[in-house]
Amino acid sequence: QVQIQILTAPAASNTFTVQGAPLLLTPAFAAIAIGSTASGIIAEAIPVAAGDKILLYVSLTAASPIAAVAGFVSAGINIV
């Protein structure tokens, strides 16, 4: 299953820390055909300060029956 994790680092650092729970995208793929899509949404309250760095890390869960995925990721993050 494809998962997305948010990591943050202070402005003066390159050390990223995991924030919140991973977002597991659905559907979970047993095999992937061209044009397949997965999606998910989760509400998180992650504190950030001006200048903080935000990184989205996309990976497969250990239980995934597929070994690798090639493609594109798009995400929307609302910072208030």
PDB file of N, CA and C in Angstrom:
ATOM      1  N   GLN A   1       0.849  -1.174   0.000  1.00  0.00           N
ATOM      2  CA  GLN A   1       0.000   0.000   0.000  1.00  0.00           C
ATOM      3  C   GLN A   1       0.895   1.238   0.000  1.00  0.00           C
ATOM      4  N   VAL A   2       0.486   2.238  -0.758  1.00  0.00           N
ATOM      5  CA  VAL A   2       1.245   3.485  -0.830  1.00  0.00           C
ATOM      6  C   VAL A   2       0.915   4.319   0.405  1.00  0.00           C
ATOM      7  N   GLN A   3       1.962   4.888   1.013  1.00  0.00           N
ATOM      8  CA  GLN A   3       1.749   5.750   2.172  1.00  0.00           C
ATOM      9  C   GLN A   3       2.530   7.047   2.005  1.00  0.00           C
ATOM     10  N   ILE A   4       2.003   8.104   2.602  1.00  0.00           N
ATOM     11  CA  ILE A   4       2.656   9.413   2.582  1.00  0.00           C
ATOM     12  C   ILE A   4       2.874   9.855   4.021  1.00  0.00           C
ATOM     13  N   GLN A   5       4.067  10.361   4.299  1.00  0.00           N
ATOM     14  CA  GLN A   5       4.409  10.835   5.640  1.00  0.00           C
ATOM     15  C   GLN A   5       4.909  12.271   5.530  1.00  0.00           C
ATOM     16  N   ILE A   6       4.517  13.116   6.469  1.00  0.00           N
ATOM     17  CA  ILE A   6       4.992  14.502   6.520  1.00  0.00           C
ATOM     18  C   ILE A   6       6.144  14.579   7.513  1.00  0.00           C
ATOM     19  N   LEU A   7       7.224  15.249   7.099  1.00  0.00           N
ATOM     20  CA  LEU A   7       8.358  15.507   7.971  1.00  0.00           C
ATOM     21  C   LEU A   7       8.629  17.003   7.955  1.00  0.00           C
ATOM     22  N   THR A   8       9.113  17.545   9.060  1.00  0.00           N
ATOM     23  CA  THR A   8       9.460  18.966   9.123  1.00  0.00           C
ATOM     24  C   THR A   8      10.853  19.138   9.716  1.00  0.00           C
ATOM     25  N   ALA A   9      11.467  20.268   9.375  1.00  0.00           N
ATOM     26  CA  ALA A   9      12.770  20.638   9.928  1.00  0.00           C
ATOM     27  C   ALA A   9      12.765  22.138  10.176  1.00  0.00           C
ATOM     28  N   PRO A  10      13.409  22.578  11.251  1.00  0.00           N
ATOM     29  CA  PRO A  10      13.532  24.021  11.481  1.00  0.00           C
ATOM     30  C   PRO A  10      14.322  24.677  10.351  1.00  0.00           C
ATOM     31  N   ALA A  11      14.149  25.969  10.203  1.00  0.00           N
ATOM     32  CA  ALA A  11      14.770  26.720   9.107  1.00  0.00           C
ATOM     33  C   ALA A  11      16.277  26.507   9.014  1.00  0.00           C
ATOM     34  N   ALA A  12      16.974  26.457  10.137  1.00  0.00           N
ATOM     35  CA  ALA A  12      18.436  26.373  10.128  1.00  0.00           C
ATOM     36  C   ALA A  12      18.953  24.936  10.169  1.00  0.00           C
ATOM     37  N   SER A  13      18.086  23.955   9.964  1.00  0.00           N
ATOM     38  CA  SER A  13      18.479  22.556  10.110  1.00  0.00           C
ATOM     39  C   SER A  13      18.126  21.756   8.861  1.00  0.00           C
ATOM     40  N   ASN A  14      18.857  20.679   8.666  1.00  0.00           N
ATOM     41  CA  ASN A  14      18.515  19.708   7.631  1.00  0.00           C
ATOM     42  C   ASN A  14      18.131  18.374   8.259  1.00  0.00           C
ATOM     43  N   THR A  15      17.802  18.389   9.544  1.00  0.00           N
ATOM     44  CA  THR A  15      17.359  17.190  10.251  1.00  0.00           C
ATOM     45  C   THR A  15      15.843  17.205  10.325  1.00  0.00           C
ATOM     46  N   PHE A  16      15.215  16.286   9.599  1.00  0.00           N
ATOM     47  CA  PHE A  16      13.762  16.233   9.525  1.00  0.00           C
ATOM     48  C   PHE A  16      13.208  15.273  10.565  1.00  0.00           C
ATOM     49  N   THR A  17      12.043  15.630  11.115  1.00  0.00           N
ATOM     50  CA  THR A  17      11.357  14.829  12.121  1.00  0.00           C
ATOM     51  C   THR A  17       9.978  14.453  11.596  1.00  0.00           C
ATOM     52  N   VAL A  18       9.606  13.185  11.769  1.00  0.00           N
ATOM     53  CA  VAL A  18       8.289  12.705  11.340  1.00  0.00           C
ATOM     54  C   VAL A  18       7.203  13.407  12.149  1.00  0.00           C
ATOM     55  N   GLN A  19       6.143  13.825  11.459  1.00  0.00           N
ATOM     56  CA  GLN A  19       5.013  14.500  12.095  1.00  0.00           C
ATOM     57  C   GLN A  19       3.737  13.708  11.822  1.00  0.00           C
ATOM     58  N   GLY A  20       2.971  13.444  12.839  1.00  0.00           N
ATOM     59  CA  GLY A  20       1.671  12.798  12.658  1.00  0.00           C
ATOM     60  C   GLY A  20       1.769  11.358  12.193  1.00  0.00           C
ATOM     61  N   ALA A  21       0.613  10.819  11.848  1.00  0.00           N
ATOM     62  CA  ALA A  21       0.518   9.430  11.391  1.00  0.00           C
ATOM     63  C   ALA A  21       0.661   9.374   9.876  1.00  0.00           C
ATOM     64  N   PRO A  22       1.153   8.250   9.342  1.00  0.00           N
ATOM     65  CA  PRO A  22       1.221   8.132   7.886  1.00  0.00           C
ATOM     66  C   PRO A  22      -0.177   8.072   7.278  1.00  0.00           C
ATOM     67  N   LEU A  23      -0.312   8.628   6.098  1.00  0.00           N
ATOM     68  CA  LEU A  23      -1.564   8.568   5.348  1.00  0.00           C
ATOM     69  C   LEU A  23      -1.481   7.370   4.409  1.00  0.00           C
ATOM     70  N   LEU A  24      -2.347   6.388   4.615  1.00  0.00           N
ATOM     71  CA  LEU A  24      -2.390   5.213   3.747  1.00  0.00           C
ATOM     72  C   LEU A  24      -3.370   5.482   2.615  1.00  0.00           C
ATOM     73  N   LEU A  25      -2.863   5.465   1.387  1.00  0.00           N
ATOM     74  CA  LEU A  25      -3.713   5.740   0.231  1.00  0.00           C
ATOM     75  C   LEU A  25      -4.539   4.510  -0.131  1.00  0.00           C
ATOM     76  N   THR A  26      -5.740   4.757  -0.644  1.00  0.00           N
ATOM     77  CA  THR A  26      -6.604   3.662  -1.076  1.00  0.00           C
ATOM     78  C   THR A  26      -6.951   3.848  -2.545  1.00  0.00           C
ATOM     79  N   PRO A  27      -7.117   2.800  -3.300  1.00  0.00           N
ATOM     80  CA  PRO A  27      -7.096   1.410  -2.837  1.00  0.00           C
ATOM     81  C   PRO A  27      -5.670   0.900  -2.657  1.00  0.00           C
ATOM     82  N   ALA A  28      -5.533  -0.195  -1.901  1.00  0.00           N
ATOM     83  CA  ALA A  28      -4.247  -0.886  -1.795  1.00  0.00           C
ATOM     84  C   ALA A  28      -4.109  -1.723  -3.068  1.00  0.00           C
ATOM     85  N   PHE A  29      -2.968  -1.650  -3.723  1.00  0.00           N
ATOM     86  CA  PHE A  29      -2.782  -2.322  -5.012  1.00  0.00           C
ATOM     87  C   PHE A  29      -2.165  -3.709  -4.846  1.00  0.00           C
ATOM     88  N   ALA A  30      -2.755  -4.712  -5.502  1.00  0.00           N
ATOM     89  CA  ALA A  30      -2.116  -6.021  -5.624  1.00  0.00           C
ATOM     90  C   ALA A  30      -1.222  -6.001  -6.866  1.00  0.00           C
ATOM     91  N   ALA A  31      -1.654  -5.235  -7.862  1.00  0.00           N
ATOM     92  CA  ALA A  31      -0.897  -4.988  -9.089  1.00  0.00           C
ATOM     93  C   ALA A  31      -1.322  -3.607  -9.567  1.00  0.00           C
ATOM     94  N   ILE A  32      -0.480  -2.972 -10.347  1.00  0.00           N
ATOM     95  CA  ILE A  32      -0.796  -1.623 -10.804  1.00  0.00           C
ATOM     96  C   ILE A  32      -0.803  -1.587 -12.326  1.00  0.00           C
ATOM     97  N   ALA A  33      -1.884  -1.059 -12.871  1.00  0.00           N
ATOM     98  CA  ALA A  33      -1.995  -0.869 -14.311  1.00  0.00           C
ATOM     99  C   ALA A  33      -1.735   0.599 -14.632  1.00  0.00           C
ATOM    100  N   ILE A  34      -1.340   0.887 -15.855  1.00  0.00           N
ATOM    101  CA  ILE A  34      -1.126   2.272 -16.280  1.00  0.00           C
ATOM    102  C   ILE A  34      -2.409   3.059 -16.059  1.00  0.00           C
ATOM    103  N   GLY A  35      -2.288   4.211 -15.461  1.00  0.00           N
ATOM    104  CA  GLY A  35      -3.436   5.064 -15.200  1.00  0.00           C
ATOM    105  C   GLY A  35      -4.092   4.835 -13.851  1.00  0.00           C
ATOM    106  N   SER A  36      -3.568   3.897 -13.074  1.00  0.00           N
ATOM    107  CA  SER A  36      -4.136   3.643 -11.746  1.00  0.00           C
ATOM    108  C   SER A  36      -3.897   4.838 -10.836  1.00  0.00           C
ATOM    109  N   THR A  37      -4.854   5.124  -9.978  1.00  0.00           N
ATOM    110  CA  THR A  37      -4.704   6.212  -9.018  1.00  0.00           C
ATOM    111  C   THR A  37      -5.094   5.729  -7.631  1.00  0.00           C
ATOM    112  N   ALA A  38      -4.550   6.403  -6.635  1.00  0.00           N
ATOM    113  CA  ALA A  38      -4.900   6.151  -5.238  1.00  0.00           C
ATOM    114  C   ALA A  38      -5.032   7.509  -4.573  1.00  0.00           C
ATOM    115  N   SER A  39      -5.838   7.574  -3.536  1.00  0.00           N
ATOM    116  CA  SER A  39      -6.026   8.859  -2.866  1.00  0.00           C
ATOM    117  C   SER A  39      -6.294   8.656  -1.384  1.00  0.00           C
ATOM    118  N   GLY A  40      -6.237   9.750  -0.650  1.00  0.00           N
ATOM    119  CA  GLY A  40      -6.522   9.716   0.775  1.00  0.00           C
ATOM    120  C   GLY A  40      -6.548  11.118   1.326  1.00  0.00           C
ATOM    121  N   ILE A  41      -7.146  11.255   2.483  1.00  0.00           N
ATOM    122  CA  ILE A  41      -7.193  12.551   3.159  1.00  0.00           C
ATOM    123  C   ILE A  41      -7.155  12.299   4.661  1.00  0.00           C
ATOM    124  N   ILE A  42      -6.446  13.153   5.364  1.00  0.00           N
ATOM    125  CA  ILE A  42      -6.360  13.046   6.816  1.00  0.00           C
ATOM    126  C   ILE A  42      -6.199  14.456   7.378  1.00  0.00           C
ATOM    127  N   ALA A  43      -6.875  14.723   8.465  1.00  0.00           N
ATOM    128  CA  ALA A  43      -6.735  16.024   9.135  1.00  0.00           C
ATOM    129  C   ALA A  43      -5.601  15.920  10.148  1.00  0.00           C
ATOM    130  N   GLU A  44      -4.644  16.814  10.057  1.00  0.00           N
ATOM    131  CA  GLU A  44      -3.512  16.856  10.987  1.00  0.00           C
ATOM    132  C   GLU A  44      -3.378  18.275  11.517  1.00  0.00           C
ATOM    133  N   ALA A  45      -2.906  18.414  12.724  1.00  0.00           N
ATOM    134  CA  ALA A  45      -2.599  19.724  13.302  1.00  0.00           C
ATOM    135  C   ALA A  45      -1.108  19.719  13.629  1.00  0.00           C
ATOM    136  N   ILE A  46      -0.310  20.103  12.649  1.00  0.00           N
ATOM    137  CA  ILE A  46       1.146  20.069  12.790  1.00  0.00           C
ATOM    138  C   ILE A  46       1.651  21.500  12.892  1.00  0.00           C
ATOM    139  N   PRO A  47       2.268  21.869  14.021  1.00  0.00           N
ATOM    140  CA  PRO A  47       2.754  23.242  14.160  1.00  0.00           C
ATOM    141  C   PRO A  47       3.976  23.501  13.276  1.00  0.00           C
ATOM    142  N   VAL A  48       3.963  24.623  12.581  1.00  0.00           N
ATOM    143  CA  VAL A  48       5.107  25.055  11.781  1.00  0.00           C
ATOM    144  C   VAL A  48       5.346  26.533  12.040  1.00  0.00           C
ATOM    145  N   ALA A  49       6.579  26.945  11.849  1.00  0.00           N
ATOM    146  CA  ALA A  49       6.949  28.351  11.997  1.00  0.00           C
ATOM    147  C   ALA A  49       7.447  28.862  10.648  1.00  0.00           C
ATOM    148  N   ALA A  50       7.472  30.163  10.503  1.00  0.00           N
ATOM    149  CA  ALA A  50       7.980  30.766   9.270  1.00  0.00           C
ATOM    150  C   ALA A  50       9.388  30.242   8.999  1.00  0.00           C
ATOM    151  N   GLY A  51       9.628  29.783   7.789  1.00  0.00           N
ATOM    152  CA  GLY A  51      10.941  29.282   7.404  1.00  0.00           C
ATOM    153  C   GLY A  51      11.130  27.787   7.596  1.00  0.00           C
ATOM    154  N   ASP A  52      10.231  27.127   8.328  1.00  0.00           N
ATOM    155  CA  ASP A  52      10.346  25.678   8.501  1.00  0.00           C
ATOM    156  C   ASP A  52      10.278  24.983   7.145  1.00  0.00           C
ATOM    157  N   LYS A  53      10.963  23.866   7.038  1.00  0.00           N
ATOM    158  CA  LYS A  53      10.952  23.064   5.815  1.00  0.00           C
ATOM    159  C   LYS A  53       9.952  21.924   5.994  1.00  0.00           C
ATOM    160  N   ILE A  54       9.184  21.638   4.949  1.00  0.00           N
ATOM    161  CA  ILE A  54       8.203  20.559   4.971  1.00  0.00           C
ATOM    162  C   ILE A  54       8.548  19.590   3.850  1.00  0.00           C
ATOM    163  N   LEU A  55       8.609  18.309   4.195  1.00  0.00           N
ATOM    164  CA  LEU A  55       8.964  17.262   3.242  1.00  0.00           C
ATOM    165  C   LEU A  55       7.860  16.207   3.228  1.00  0.00           C
ATOM    166  N   LEU A  56       7.420  15.820   2.037  1.00  0.00           N
ATOM    167  CA  LEU A  56       6.485  14.706   1.894  1.00  0.00           C
ATOM    168  C   LEU A  56       7.289  13.487   1.467  1.00  0.00           C
ATOM    169  N   TYR A  57       7.195  12.423   2.240  1.00  0.00           N
ATOM    170  CA  TYR A  57       7.910  11.180   1.956  1.00  0.00           C
ATOM    171  C   TYR A  57       6.891  10.131   1.523  1.00  0.00           C
ATOM    172  N   VAL A  58       7.041   9.624   0.314  1.00  0.00           N
ATOM    173  CA  VAL A  58       6.117   8.633  -0.233  1.00  0.00           C
ATOM    174  C   VAL A  58       6.842   7.295  -0.297  1.00  0.00           C
ATOM    175  N   SER A  59       6.189   6.249   0.219  1.00  0.00           N
ATOM    176  CA  SER A  59       6.807   4.926   0.237  1.00  0.00           C
ATOM    177  C   SER A  59       5.733   3.849   0.164  1.00  0.00           C
ATOM    178  N   LEU A  60       6.184   2.610   0.132  1.00  0.00           N
ATOM    179  CA  LEU A  60       5.279   1.465   0.174  1.00  0.00           C
ATOM    180  C   LEU A  60       5.368   0.839   1.558  1.00  0.00           C
ATOM    181  N   THR A  61       4.244   0.353   2.071  1.00  0.00           N
ATOM    182  CA  THR A  61       4.262  -0.328   3.362  1.00  0.00           C
ATOM    183  C   THR A  61       4.978  -1.660   3.209  1.00  0.00           C
ATOM    184  N   ALA A  62       5.474  -2.190   4.322  1.00  0.00           N
ATOM    185  CA  ALA A  62       6.182  -3.470   4.291  1.00  0.00           C
ATOM    186  C   ALA A  62       5.278  -4.599   3.808  1.00  0.00           C
ATOM    187  N   ALA A  63       3.973  -4.472   4.016  1.00  0.00           N
ATOM    188  CA  ALA A  63       3.029  -5.523   3.627  1.00  0.00           C
ATOM    189  C   ALA A  63       2.610  -5.433   2.160  1.00  0.00           C
ATOM    190  N   SER A  64       3.138  -4.466   1.427  1.00  0.00           N
ATOM    191  CA  SER A  64       2.728  -4.266   0.036  1.00  0.00           C
ATOM    192  C   SER A  64       3.159  -5.437  -0.848  1.00  0.00           C
ATOM    193  N   PRO A  65       2.242  -5.966  -1.669  1.00  0.00           N
ATOM    194  CA  PRO A  65       2.610  -7.062  -2.575  1.00  0.00           C
ATOM    195  C   PRO A  65       3.386  -6.589  -3.807  1.00  0.00           C
ATOM    196  N   ILE A  66       3.486  -5.272  -4.006  1.00  0.00           N
ATOM    197  CA  ILE A  66       4.252  -4.742  -5.133  1.00  0.00           C
ATOM    198  C   ILE A  66       5.594  -4.235  -4.623  1.00  0.00           C
ATOM    199  N   ALA A  67       6.623  -4.335  -5.457  1.00  0.00           N
ATOM    200  CA  ALA A  67       7.976  -3.999  -5.024  1.00  0.00           C
ATOM    201  C   ALA A  67       8.343  -2.545  -5.271  1.00  0.00           C
ATOM    202  N   ALA A  68       7.769  -1.938  -6.303  1.00  0.00           N
ATOM    203  CA  ALA A  68       8.131  -0.564  -6.637  1.00  0.00           C
ATOM    204  C   ALA A  68       7.002   0.088  -7.425  1.00  0.00           C
ATOM    205  N   VAL A  69       6.942   1.403  -7.331  1.00  0.00           N
ATOM    206  CA  VAL A  69       5.954   2.189  -8.066  1.00  0.00           C
ATOM    207  C   VAL A  69       6.681   3.372  -8.684  1.00  0.00           C
ATOM    208  N   ALA A  70       6.401   3.647  -9.941  1.00  0.00           N
ATOM    209  CA  ALA A  70       6.930   4.835 -10.599  1.00  0.00           C
ATOM    210  C   ALA A  70       5.747   5.705 -10.980  1.00  0.00           C
ATOM    211  N   GLY A  71       5.852   6.998 -10.702  1.00  0.00           N
ATOM    212  CA  GLY A  71       4.745   7.876 -11.048  1.00  0.00           C
ATOM    213  C   GLY A  71       4.894   9.236 -10.427  1.00  0.00           C
ATOM    214  N   PHE A  72       3.778   9.909 -10.265  1.00  0.00           N
ATOM    215  CA  PHE A  72       3.757  11.270  -9.760  1.00  0.00           C
ATOM    216  C   PHE A  72       2.898  11.351  -8.511  1.00  0.00           C
ATOM    217  N   VAL A  73       3.246  12.290  -7.649  1.00  0.00           N
ATOM    218  CA  VAL A  73       2.481  12.536  -6.427  1.00  0.00           C
ATOM    219  C   VAL A  73       2.078  13.997  -6.416  1.00  0.00           C
ATOM    220  N   SER A  74       0.850  14.238  -6.039  1.00  0.00           N
ATOM    221  CA  SER A  74       0.345  15.596  -5.885  1.00  0.00           C
ATOM    222  C   SER A  74      -0.301  15.685  -4.516  1.00  0.00           C
ATOM    223  N   ALA A  75      -0.035  16.770  -3.802  1.00  0.00           N
ATOM    224  CA  ALA A  75      -0.603  16.914  -2.460  1.00  0.00           C
ATOM    225  C   ALA A  75      -0.960  18.364  -2.200  1.00  0.00           C
ATOM    226  N   GLY A  76      -1.977  18.549  -1.418  1.00  0.00           N
ATOM    227  CA  GLY A  76      -2.367  19.881  -0.979  1.00  0.00           C
ATOM    228  C   GLY A  76      -2.223  19.965   0.525  1.00  0.00           C
ATOM    229  N   ILE A  77      -1.515  20.969   0.992  1.00  0.00           N
ATOM    230  CA  ILE A  77      -1.344  21.179   2.432  1.00  0.00           C
ATOM    231  C   ILE A  77      -1.847  22.578   2.738  1.00  0.00           C
ATOM    232  N   ASN A  78      -2.762  22.672   3.674  1.00  0.00           N
ATOM    233  CA  ASN A  78      -3.328  23.956   4.076  1.00  0.00           C
ATOM    234  C   ASN A  78      -2.633  24.423   5.350  1.00  0.00           C
ATOM    235  N   ILE A  79      -1.925  25.539   5.275  1.00  0.00           N
ATOM    236  CA  ILE A  79      -1.224  26.090   6.436  1.00  0.00           C
ATOM    237  C   ILE A  79      -1.956  27.346   6.869  1.00  0.00           C
ATOM    238  N   VAL A  80      -2.446  27.322   8.106  1.00  0.00           N
ATOM    239  CA  VAL A  80      -3.178  28.482   8.642  1.00  0.00           C
ATOM    240  C   VAL A  80      -2.494  29.013   9.871  1.00  0.00           C
TER     241      VAL A  80
END
